[in-house]
Amino acid sequence: MSTFDDREKSFEKKFAHDEELQFKISARKNKYLGQWVSQILGHDLEKEKEYIQSVIKADFEEAGDEDVFRKLKADLVDHNISDEDIRKKMNELNEKAKSEFK
């Protein structure tokens, strides 16, 4: 029976590790998105830090990336950036964040 217990504990540890890694990747991606939009909006360093935090907080509204997408879309409405461009940048920065944790 201890073999099964060991396997179960091993799976639980792997699951916890994977979840923590995904959280870190998502937070890093959101940081990069905040920096990207801050540059477009012309924020100074202090405003950029505040904006990055607002993007990270927006990600806690619901599961997935749609909450962040809606925030970015609303904030960029006057800057002629398409939904496709926003989603492309989100995917690009997600891949960048993933690569930093490998």
PDB file of N, CA and C in Angstrom:
ATOM      1  N   MET A   1       0.816  -1.194   0.000  1.00  0.00           N
ATOM      2  CA  MET A   1       0.000   0.000   0.000  1.00  0.00           C
ATOM      3  C   MET A   1       0.862   1.261   0.000  1.00  0.00           C
ATOM      4  N   SER A   2       2.043   1.206   0.544  1.00  0.00           N
ATOM      5  CA  SER A   2       2.876   2.403   0.610  1.00  0.00           C
ATOM      6  C   SER A   2       3.331   2.846  -0.783  1.00  0.00           C
ATOM      7  N   THR A   3       3.442   1.921  -1.736  1.00  0.00           N
ATOM      8  CA  THR A   3       3.801   2.291  -3.098  1.00  0.00           C
ATOM      9  C   THR A   3       2.736   3.196  -3.690  1.00  0.00           C
ATOM     10  N   PHE A   4       1.476   2.857  -3.456  1.00  0.00           N
ATOM     11  CA  PHE A   4       0.381   3.691  -3.942  1.00  0.00           C
ATOM     12  C   PHE A   4       0.362   5.041  -3.239  1.00  0.00           C
ATOM     13  N   ASP A   5       0.639   5.038  -1.956  1.00  0.00           N
ATOM     14  CA  ASP A   5       0.704   6.294  -1.205  1.00  0.00           C
ATOM     15  C   ASP A   5       1.833   7.183  -1.729  1.00  0.00           C
ATOM     16  N   ASP A   6       2.960   6.558  -2.020  1.00  0.00           N
ATOM     17  CA  ASP A   6       4.097   7.310  -2.562  1.00  0.00           C
ATOM     18  C   ASP A   6       3.762   7.906  -3.928  1.00  0.00           C
ATOM     19  N   ARG A   7       3.093   7.121  -4.759  1.00  0.00           N
ATOM     20  CA  ARG A   7       2.696   7.624  -6.083  1.00  0.00           C
ATOM     21  C   ARG A   7       1.717   8.780  -5.951  1.00  0.00           C
ATOM     22  N   GLU A   8       0.775   8.635  -5.032  1.00  0.00           N
ATOM     23  CA  GLU A   8      -0.219   9.689  -4.829  1.00  0.00           C
ATOM     24  C   GLU A   8       0.452  10.979  -4.364  1.00  0.00           C
ATOM     25  N   LYS A   9       1.361  10.860  -3.431  1.00  0.00           N
ATOM     26  CA  LYS A   9       2.086  12.039  -2.945  1.00  0.00           C
ATOM     27  C   LYS A   9       2.915  12.666  -4.051  1.00  0.00           C
ATOM     28  N   SER A  10       3.511  11.822  -4.879  1.00  0.00           N
ATOM     29  CA  SER A  10       4.312  12.305  -5.992  1.00  0.00           C
ATOM     30  C   SER A  10       3.449  13.083  -6.991  1.00  0.00           C
ATOM     31  N   PHE A  11       2.269  12.550  -7.309  1.00  0.00           N
ATOM     32  CA  PHE A  11       1.358  13.246  -8.220  1.00  0.00           C
ATOM     33  C   PHE A  11       0.889  14.565  -7.612  1.00  0.00           C
ATOM     34  N   GLU A  12       0.615  14.569  -6.319  1.00  0.00           N
ATOM     35  CA  GLU A  12       0.181  15.799  -5.656  1.00  0.00           C
ATOM     36  C   GLU A  12       1.273  16.864  -5.695  1.00  0.00           C
ATOM     37  N   LYS A  13       2.518  16.450  -5.465  1.00  0.00           N
ATOM     38  CA  LYS A  13       3.632  17.394  -5.514  1.00  0.00           C
ATOM     39  C   LYS A  13       3.806  17.947  -6.926  1.00  0.00           C
ATOM     40  N   LYS A  14       3.697  17.088  -7.924  1.00  0.00           N
ATOM     41  CA  LYS A  14       3.835  17.534  -9.309  1.00  0.00           C
ATOM     42  C   LYS A  14       2.718  18.508  -9.662  1.00  0.00           C
ATOM     43  N   PHE A  15       1.511  18.212  -9.255  1.00  0.00           N
ATOM     44  CA  PHE A  15       0.383  19.095  -9.529  1.00  0.00           C
ATOM     45  C   PHE A  15       0.606  20.459  -8.881  1.00  0.00           C
ATOM     46  N   ALA A  16       1.017  20.469  -7.630  1.00  0.00           N
ATOM     47  CA  ALA A  16       1.278  21.722  -6.915  1.00  0.00           C
ATOM     48  C   ALA A  16       2.393  22.511  -7.602  1.00  0.00           C
ATOM     49  N   HIS A  17       3.433  21.823  -8.008  1.00  0.00           N
ATOM     50  CA  HIS A  17       4.547  22.475  -8.703  1.00  0.00           C
ATOM     51  C   HIS A  17       4.073  23.079 -10.027  1.00  0.00           C
ATOM     52  N   ASP A  18       3.304  22.307 -10.796  1.00  0.00           N
ATOM     53  CA  ASP A  18       2.805  22.793 -12.085  1.00  0.00           C
ATOM     54  C   ASP A  18       1.900  24.009 -11.909  1.00  0.00           C
ATOM     55  N   GLU A  19       1.055  23.980 -10.898  1.00  0.00           N
ATOM     56  CA  GLU A  19       0.161  25.113 -10.640  1.00  0.00           C
ATOM     57  C   GLU A  19       0.955  26.358 -10.242  1.00  0.00           C
ATOM     58  N   GLU A  20       1.952  26.189  -9.405  1.00  0.00           N
ATOM     59  CA  GLU A  20       2.783  27.315  -8.984  1.00  0.00           C
ATOM     60  C   GLU A  20       3.543  27.893 -10.175  1.00  0.00           C
ATOM     61  N   LEU A  21       4.066  27.021 -11.018  1.00  0.00           N
ATOM     62  CA  LEU A  21       4.786  27.464 -12.206  1.00  0.00           C
ATOM     63  C   LEU A  21       3.857  28.239 -13.138  1.00  0.00           C
ATOM     64  N   GLN A  22       2.648  27.741 -13.351  1.00  0.00           N
ATOM     65  CA  GLN A  22       1.696  28.429 -14.215  1.00  0.00           C
ATOM     66  C   GLN A  22       1.336  29.804 -13.656  1.00  0.00           C
ATOM     67  N   PHE A  23       1.201  29.905 -12.338  1.00  0.00           N
ATOM     68  CA  PHE A  23       0.909  31.186 -11.696  1.00  0.00           C
ATOM     69  C   PHE A  23       2.051  32.176 -11.943  1.00  0.00           C
ATOM     70  N   LYS A  24       3.284  31.717 -11.797  1.00  0.00           N
ATOM     71  CA  LYS A  24       4.446  32.579 -12.011  1.00  0.00           C
ATOM     72  C   LYS A  24       4.531  33.037 -13.469  1.00  0.00           C
ATOM     73  N   ILE A  25       4.281  32.127 -14.394  1.00  0.00           N
ATOM     74  CA  ILE A  25       4.304  32.475 -15.817  1.00  0.00           C
ATOM     75  C   ILE A  25       3.234  33.515 -16.117  1.00  0.00           C
ATOM     76  N   SER A  26       2.045  33.301 -15.588  1.00  0.00           N
ATOM     77  CA  SER A  26       0.946  34.237 -15.823  1.00  0.00           C
ATOM     78  C   SER A  26       1.255  35.624 -15.250  1.00  0.00           C
ATOM     79  N   ALA A  27       1.805  35.659 -14.061  1.00  0.00           N
ATOM     80  CA  ALA A  27       2.152  36.943 -13.443  1.00  0.00           C
ATOM     81  C   ALA A  27       3.224  37.661 -14.255  1.00  0.00           C
ATOM     82  N   ARG A  28       4.215  36.925 -14.742  1.00  0.00           N
ATOM     83  CA  ARG A  28       5.278  37.518 -15.546  1.00  0.00           C
ATOM     84  C   ARG A  28       4.711  38.044 -16.863  1.00  0.00           C
ATOM     85  N   LYS A  29       3.838  37.250 -17.489  1.00  0.00           N
ATOM     86  CA  LYS A  29       3.194  37.684 -18.738  1.00  0.00           C
ATOM     87  C   LYS A  29       2.413  38.975 -18.511  1.00  0.00           C
ATOM     88  N   ASN A  30       1.669  39.037 -17.419  1.00  0.00           N
ATOM     89  CA  ASN A  30       0.883  40.228 -17.121  1.00  0.00           C
ATOM     90  C   ASN A  30       1.771  41.439 -16.858  1.00  0.00           C
ATOM     91  N   LYS A  31       2.913  41.212 -16.254  1.00  0.00           N
ATOM     92  CA  LYS A  31       3.877  42.298 -16.054  1.00  0.00           C
ATOM     93  C   LYS A  31       4.332  42.845 -17.400  1.00  0.00           C
ATOM     94  N   TYR A  32       4.688  41.934 -18.308  1.00  0.00           N
ATOM     95  CA  TYR A  32       5.132  42.359 -19.631  1.00  0.00           C
ATOM     96  C   TYR A  32       4.012  43.079 -20.393  1.00  0.00           C
ATOM     97  N   LEU A  33       2.790  42.582 -20.258  1.00  0.00           N
ATOM     98  CA  LEU A  33       1.663  43.249 -20.905  1.00  0.00           C
ATOM     99  C   LEU A  33       1.481  44.662 -20.346  1.00  0.00           C
ATOM    100  N   GLY A  34       1.613  44.793 -19.034  1.00  0.00           N
ATOM    101  CA  GLY A  34       1.505  46.104 -18.406  1.00  0.00           C
ATOM    102  C   GLY A  34       2.578  47.055 -18.911  1.00  0.00           C
ATOM    103  N   GLN A  35       3.792  46.551 -19.086  1.00  0.00           N
ATOM    104  CA  GLN A  35       4.870  47.383 -19.614  1.00  0.00           C
ATOM    105  C   GLN A  35       4.579  47.801 -21.054  1.00  0.00           C
ATOM    106  N   TRP A  36       4.098  46.872 -21.850  1.00  0.00           N
ATOM    107  CA  TRP A  36       3.782  47.144 -23.254  1.00  0.00           C
ATOM    108  C   TRP A  36       2.725  48.240 -23.383  1.00  0.00           C
ATOM    109  N   VAL A  37       1.627  48.079 -22.652  1.00  0.00           N
ATOM    110  CA  VAL A  37       0.551  49.062 -22.732  1.00  0.00           C
ATOM    111  C   VAL A  37       1.003  50.396 -22.134  1.00  0.00           C
ATOM    112  N   SER A  38       1.777  50.365 -21.068  1.00  0.00           N
ATOM    113  CA  SER A  38       2.286  51.603 -20.469  1.00  0.00           C
ATOM    114  C   SER A  38       3.102  52.406 -21.465  1.00  0.00           C
ATOM    115  N   GLN A  39       3.894  51.729 -22.265  1.00  0.00           N
ATOM    116  CA  GLN A  39       4.679  52.429 -23.288  1.00  0.00           C
ATOM    117  C   GLN A  39       3.755  53.092 -24.312  1.00  0.00           C
ATOM    118  N   ILE A  40       2.724  52.381 -24.714  1.00  0.00           N
ATOM    119  CA  ILE A  40       1.772  52.927 -25.682  1.00  0.00           C
ATOM    120  C   ILE A  40       1.056  54.141 -25.094  1.00  0.00           C
ATOM    121  N   LEU A  41       0.694  54.043 -23.813  1.00  0.00           N
ATOM    122  CA  LEU A  41      -0.042  55.124 -23.159  1.00  0.00           C
ATOM    123  C   LEU A  41       0.866  56.271 -22.726  1.00  0.00           C
ATOM    124  N   GLY A  42       2.179  56.073 -22.802  1.00  0.00           N
ATOM    125  CA  GLY A  42       3.122  57.128 -22.452  1.00  0.00           C
ATOM    126  C   GLY A  42       3.277  57.359 -20.961  1.00  0.00           C
ATOM    127  N   HIS A  43       3.116  56.306 -20.177  1.00  0.00           N
ATOM    128  CA  HIS A  43       3.247  56.429 -18.725  1.00  0.00           C
ATOM    129  C   HIS A  43       4.700  56.645 -18.307  1.00  0.00           C
ATOM    130  N   ASP A  44       4.870  57.412 -17.239  1.00  0.00           N
ATOM    131  CA  ASP A  44       6.197  57.508 -16.633  1.00  0.00           C
ATOM    132  C   ASP A  44       6.425  56.261 -15.780  1.00  0.00           C
ATOM    133  N   LEU A  45       7.596  56.145 -15.183  1.00  0.00           N
ATOM    134  CA  LEU A  45       7.959  54.941 -14.446  1.00  0.00           C
ATOM    135  C   LEU A  45       6.993  54.636 -13.302  1.00  0.00           C
ATOM    136  N   GLU A  46       6.595  55.654 -12.572  1.00  0.00           N
ATOM    137  CA  GLU A  46       5.675  55.458 -11.442  1.00  0.00           C
ATOM    138  C   GLU A  46       4.301  54.990 -11.928  1.00  0.00           C
ATOM    139  N   LYS A  47       3.775  55.625 -12.973  1.00  0.00           N
ATOM    140  CA  LYS A  47       2.474  55.230 -13.529  1.00  0.00           C
ATOM    141  C   LYS A  47       2.555  53.823 -14.118  1.00  0.00           C
ATOM    142  N   GLU A  48       3.718  53.483 -14.698  1.00  0.00           N
ATOM    143  CA  GLU A  48       3.897  52.153 -15.259  1.00  0.00           C
ATOM    144  C   GLU A  48       3.783  51.098 -14.165  1.00  0.00           C
ATOM    145  N   LYS A  49       4.425  51.328 -13.035  1.00  0.00           N
ATOM    146  CA  LYS A  49       4.354  50.373 -11.919  1.00  0.00           C
ATOM    147  C   LYS A  49       2.908  50.186 -11.461  1.00  0.00           C
ATOM    148  N   GLU A  50       2.171  51.278 -11.338  1.00  0.00           N
ATOM    149  CA  GLU A  50       0.764  51.212 -10.939  1.00  0.00           C
ATOM    150  C   GLU A  50      -0.051  50.455 -11.979  1.00  0.00           C
ATOM    151  N   TYR A  51       0.218  50.723 -13.237  1.00  0.00           N
ATOM    152  CA  TYR A  51      -0.534  50.072 -14.309  1.00  0.00           C
ATOM    153  C   TYR A  51      -0.253  48.569 -14.331  1.00  0.00           C
ATOM    154  N   ILE A  52       1.002  48.186 -14.167  1.00  0.00           N
ATOM    155  CA  ILE A  52       1.347  46.761 -14.129  1.00  0.00           C
ATOM    156  C   ILE A  52       0.571  46.063 -13.013  1.00  0.00           C
ATOM    157  N   GLN A  53       0.507  46.698 -11.865  1.00  0.00           N
ATOM    158  CA  GLN A  53      -0.255  46.114 -10.746  1.00  0.00           C
ATOM    159  C   GLN A  53      -1.732  45.978 -11.094  1.00  0.00           C
ATOM    160  N   SER A  54      -2.272  46.954 -11.816  1.00  0.00           N
ATOM    161  CA  SER A  54      -3.690  46.881 -12.185  1.00  0.00           C
ATOM    162  C   SER A  54      -3.949  45.743 -13.174  1.00  0.00           C
ATOM    163  N   VAL A  55      -2.988  45.465 -14.043  1.00  0.00           N
ATOM    164  CA  VAL A  55      -3.135  44.345 -14.981  1.00  0.00           C
ATOM    165  C   VAL A  55      -3.066  43.026 -14.220  1.00  0.00           C
ATOM    166  N   ILE A  56      -2.131  42.918 -13.302  1.00  0.00           N
ATOM    167  CA  ILE A  56      -2.008  41.699 -12.499  1.00  0.00           C
ATOM    168  C   ILE A  56      -3.278  41.469 -11.689  1.00  0.00           C
ATOM    169  N   LYS A  57      -3.818  42.518 -11.086  1.00  0.00           N
ATOM    170  CA  LYS A  57      -5.062  42.393 -10.310  1.00  0.00           C
ATOM    171  C   LYS A  57      -6.240  42.020 -11.194  1.00  0.00           C
ATOM    172  N   ALA A  58      -6.275  42.546 -12.413  1.00  0.00           N
ATOM    173  CA  ALA A  58      -7.372  42.227 -13.328  1.00  0.00           C
ATOM    174  C   ALA A  58      -7.431  40.736 -13.621  1.00  0.00           C
ATOM    175  N   ASP A  59      -6.292  40.068 -13.583  1.00  0.00           N
ATOM    176  CA  ASP A  59      -6.239  38.641 -13.884  1.00  0.00           C
ATOM    177  C   ASP A  59      -6.925  37.797 -12.819  1.00  0.00           C
ATOM    178  N   PHE A  60      -7.197  38.361 -11.660  1.00  0.00           N
ATOM    179  CA  PHE A  60      -7.842  37.605 -10.581  1.00  0.00           C
ATOM    180  C   PHE A  60      -9.364  37.658 -10.657  1.00  0.00           C
ATOM    181  N   GLU A  61      -9.917  38.391 -11.633  1.00  0.00           N
ATOM    182  CA  GLU A  61     -11.364  38.517 -11.738  1.00  0.00           C
ATOM    183  C   GLU A  61     -12.034  37.207 -12.126  1.00  0.00           C
ATOM    184  N   GLU A  62     -11.411  36.472 -13.033  1.00  0.00           N
ATOM    185  CA  GLU A  62     -11.974  35.190 -13.472  1.00  0.00           C
ATOM    186  C   GLU A  62     -10.851  34.319 -14.018  1.00  0.00           C
ATOM    187  N   ALA A  63     -11.151  33.054 -14.194  1.00  0.00           N
ATOM    188  CA  ALA A  63     -10.147  32.129 -14.741  1.00  0.00           C
ATOM    189  C   ALA A  63      -9.890  32.458 -16.204  1.00  0.00           C
ATOM    190  N   GLY A  64      -8.678  32.223 -16.645  1.00  0.00           N
ATOM    191  CA  GLY A  64      -8.329  32.478 -18.035  1.00  0.00           C
ATOM    192  C   GLY A  64      -7.832  33.899 -18.258  1.00  0.00           C
ATOM    193  N   ASP A  65      -7.654  34.235 -19.523  1.00  0.00           N
ATOM    194  CA  ASP A  65      -7.074  35.525 -19.882  1.00  0.00           C
ATOM    195  C   ASP A  65      -8.084  36.568 -20.337  1.00  0.00           C
ATOM    196  N   GLU A  66      -9.357  36.224 -20.394  1.00  0.00           N
ATOM    197  CA  GLU A  66     -10.344  37.165 -20.924  1.00  0.00           C
ATOM    198  C   GLU A  66     -10.472  38.427 -20.076  1.00  0.00           C
ATOM    199  N   ASP A  67     -10.303  38.302 -18.773  1.00  0.00           N
ATOM    200  CA  ASP A  67     -10.381  39.488 -17.916  1.00  0.00           C
ATOM    201  C   ASP A  67      -9.252  40.466 -18.226  1.00  0.00           C
ATOM    202  N   VAL A  68      -8.059  39.950 -18.458  1.00  0.00           N
ATOM    203  CA  VAL A  68      -6.920  40.798 -18.816  1.00  0.00           C
ATOM    204  C   VAL A  68      -7.131  41.382 -20.211  1.00  0.00           C
ATOM    205  N   PHE A  69      -7.599  40.571 -21.137  1.00  0.00           N
ATOM    206  CA  PHE A  69      -7.864  41.057 -22.487  1.00  0.00           C
ATOM    207  C   PHE A  69      -8.845  42.226 -22.471  1.00  0.00           C
ATOM    208  N   ARG A  70      -9.937  42.085 -21.729  1.00  0.00           N
ATOM    209  CA  ARG A  70     -10.935  43.168 -21.658  1.00  0.00           C
ATOM    210  C   ARG A  70     -10.326  44.448 -21.109  1.00  0.00           C
ATOM    211  N   LYS A  71      -9.483  44.324 -20.090  1.00  0.00           N
ATOM    212  CA  LYS A  71      -8.838  45.509 -19.510  1.00  0.00           C
ATOM    213  C   LYS A  71      -7.940  46.183 -20.539  1.00  0.00           C
ATOM    214  N   LEU A  72      -7.089  45.385 -21.196  1.00  0.00           N
ATOM    215  CA  LEU A  72      -6.177  45.958 -22.185  1.00  0.00           C
ATOM    216  C   LEU A  72      -6.948  46.601 -23.326  1.00  0.00           C
ATOM    217  N   LYS A  73      -7.987  45.926 -23.791  1.00  0.00           N
ATOM    218  CA  LYS A  73      -8.804  46.457 -24.887  1.00  0.00           C
ATOM    219  C   LYS A  73      -9.432  47.794 -24.501  1.00  0.00           C
ATOM    220  N   ALA A  74      -9.974  47.868 -23.302  1.00  0.00           N
ATOM    221  CA  ALA A  74     -10.595  49.118 -22.839  1.00  0.00           C
ATOM    222  C   ALA A  74      -9.557  50.230 -22.708  1.00  0.00           C
ATOM    223  N   ASP A  75      -8.386  49.894 -22.219  1.00  0.00           N
ATOM    224  CA  ASP A  75      -7.350  50.908 -22.018  1.00  0.00           C
ATOM    225  C   ASP A  75      -6.730  51.374 -23.335  1.00  0.00           C
ATOM    226  N   LEU A  76      -6.810  50.536 -24.360  1.00  0.00           N
ATOM    227  CA  LEU A  76      -6.206  50.871 -25.652  1.00  0.00           C
ATOM    228  C   LEU A  76      -7.231  51.322 -26.688  1.00  0.00           C
ATOM    229  N   VAL A  77      -8.456  51.548 -26.265  1.00  0.00           N
ATOM    230  CA  VAL A  77      -9.542  51.863 -27.197  1.00  0.00           C
ATOM    231  C   VAL A  77      -9.232  53.088 -28.061  1.00  0.00           C
ATOM    232  N   ASP A  78      -8.526  54.055 -27.545  1.00  0.00           N
ATOM    233  CA  ASP A  78      -8.218  55.275 -28.296  1.00  0.00           C
ATOM    234  C   ASP A  78      -6.898  55.188 -29.063  1.00  0.00           C
ATOM    235  N   HIS A  79      -6.291  54.017 -29.122  1.00  0.00           N
ATOM    236  CA  HIS A  79      -4.969  53.894 -29.739  1.00  0.00           C
ATOM    237  C   HIS A  79      -4.951  53.005 -30.979  1.00  0.00           C
ATOM    238  N   ASN A  80      -6.132  52.697 -31.510  1.00  0.00           N
ATOM    239  CA  ASN A  80      -6.245  51.993 -32.784  1.00  0.00           C
ATOM    240  C   ASN A  80      -5.460  50.681 -32.814  1.00  0.00           C
ATOM    241  N   ILE A  81      -5.563  49.901 -31.744  1.00  0.00           N
ATOM    242  CA  ILE A  81      -4.915  48.589 -31.685  1.00  0.00           C
ATOM    243  C   ILE A  81      -6.020  47.538 -31.707  1.00  0.00           C
ATOM    244  N   SER A  82      -5.949  46.638 -32.682  1.00  0.00           N
ATOM    245  CA  SER A  82      -7.012  45.661 -32.892  1.00  0.00           C
ATOM    246  C   SER A  82      -7.001  44.570 -31.825  1.00  0.00           C
ATOM    247  N   ASP A  83      -8.144  43.889 -31.709  1.00  0.00           N
ATOM    248  CA  ASP A  83      -8.244  42.734 -30.809  1.00  0.00           C
ATOM    249  C   ASP A  83      -7.192  41.691 -31.188  1.00  0.00           C
ATOM    250  N   GLU A  84      -7.025  41.503 -32.481  1.00  0.00           N
ATOM    251  CA  GLU A  84      -6.054  40.517 -32.960  1.00  0.00           C
ATOM    252  C   GLU A  84      -4.637  40.881 -32.518  1.00  0.00           C
ATOM    253  N   ASP A  85      -4.292  42.158 -32.592  1.00  0.00           N
ATOM    254  CA  ASP A  85      -2.959  42.591 -32.167  1.00  0.00           C
ATOM    255  C   ASP A  85      -2.762  42.395 -30.664  1.00  0.00           C
ATOM    256  N   ILE A  86      -3.814  42.654 -29.894  1.00  0.00           N
ATOM    257  CA  ILE A  86      -3.725  42.472 -28.439  1.00  0.00           C
ATOM    258  C   ILE A  86      -3.522  40.988 -28.121  1.00  0.00           C
ATOM    259  N   ARG A  87      -4.334  40.140 -28.734  1.00  0.00           N
ATOM    260  CA  ARG A  87      -4.216  38.695 -28.479  1.00  0.00           C
ATOM    261  C   ARG A  87      -2.862  38.156 -28.942  1.00  0.00           C
ATOM    262  N   LYS A  88      -2.381  38.650 -30.075  1.00  0.00           N
ATOM    263  CA  LYS A  88      -1.074  38.232 -30.574  1.00  0.00           C
ATOM    264  C   LYS A  88       0.017  38.604 -29.567  1.00  0.00           C
ATOM    265  N   LYS A  89      -0.052  39.821 -29.038  1.00  0.00           N
ATOM    266  CA  LYS A  89       0.938  40.273 -28.051  1.00  0.00           C
ATOM    267  C   LYS A  89       0.818  39.454 -26.769  1.00  0.00           C
ATOM    268  N   MET A  90      -0.411  39.124 -26.363  1.00  0.00           N
ATOM    269  CA  MET A  90      -0.608  38.297 -25.171  1.00  0.00           C
ATOM    270  C   MET A  90       0.060  36.936 -25.356  1.00  0.00           C
ATOM    271  N   ASN A  91      -0.133  36.328 -26.520  1.00  0.00           N
ATOM    272  CA  ASN A  91       0.480  35.021 -26.791  1.00  0.00           C
ATOM    273  C   ASN A  91       1.995  35.125 -26.849  1.00  0.00           C
ATOM    274  N   GLU A  92       2.478  36.160 -27.504  1.00  0.00           N
ATOM    275  CA  GLU A  92       3.927  36.367 -27.621  1.00  0.00           C
ATOM    276  C   GLU A  92       4.572  36.524 -26.243  1.00  0.00           C
ATOM    277  N   LEU A  93       3.963  37.323 -25.401  1.00  0.00           N
ATOM    278  CA  LEU A  93       4.544  37.564 -24.078  1.00  0.00           C
ATOM    279  C   LEU A  93       4.366  36.369 -23.146  1.00  0.00           C
ATOM    280  N   ASN A  94       3.328  35.577 -23.375  1.00  0.00           N
ATOM    281  CA  ASN A  94       3.168  34.340 -22.613  1.00  0.00           C
ATOM    282  C   ASN A  94       4.304  33.379 -22.948  1.00  0.00           C
ATOM    283  N   GLU A  95       4.634  33.261 -24.225  1.00  0.00           N
ATOM    284  CA  GLU A  95       5.745  32.402 -24.633  1.00  0.00           C
ATOM    285  C   GLU A  95       7.065  32.913 -24.062  1.00  0.00           C
ATOM    286  N   LYS A  96       7.243  34.226 -24.056  1.00  0.00           N
ATOM    287  CA  LYS A  96       8.460  34.803 -23.482  1.00  0.00           C
ATOM    288  C   LYS A  96       8.557  34.450 -21.995  1.00  0.00           C
ATOM    289  N   ALA A  97       7.442  34.605 -21.273  1.00  0.00           N
ATOM    290  CA  ALA A  97       7.440  34.290 -19.842  1.00  0.00           C
ATOM    291  C   ALA A  97       7.722  32.805 -19.615  1.00  0.00           C
ATOM    292  N   LYS A  98       7.118  31.928 -20.417  1.00  0.00           N
ATOM    293  CA  LYS A  98       7.368  30.490 -20.289  1.00  0.00           C
ATOM    294  C   LYS A  98       8.835  30.165 -20.465  1.00  0.00           C
ATOM    295  N   SER A  99       9.448  30.790 -21.465  1.00  0.00           N
ATOM    296  CA  SER A  99      10.839  30.477 -21.768  1.00  0.00           C
ATOM    297  C   SER A  99      11.773  30.884 -20.621  1.00  0.00           C
ATOM    298  N   GLU A 100      11.366  31.843 -19.829  1.00  0.00           N
ATOM    299  CA  GLU A 100      12.197  32.289 -18.724  1.00  0.00           C
ATOM    300  C   GLU A 100      12.163  31.355 -17.527  1.00  0.00           C
ATOM    301  N   PHE A 101      11.191  30.445 -17.510  1.00  0.00           N
ATOM    302  CA  PHE A 101      11.074  29.501 -16.397  1.00  0.00           C
ATOM    303  C   PHE A 101      11.519  28.096 -16.778  1.00  0.00           C
ATOM    304  N   LYS A 102      12.079  27.932 -17.954  1.00  0.00           N
ATOM    305  CA  LYS A 102      12.530  26.586 -18.376  1.00  0.00           C
ATOM    306  C   LYS A 102      13.960  26.360 -17.975  1.00  0.00           C
TER     307      LYS A 102
END
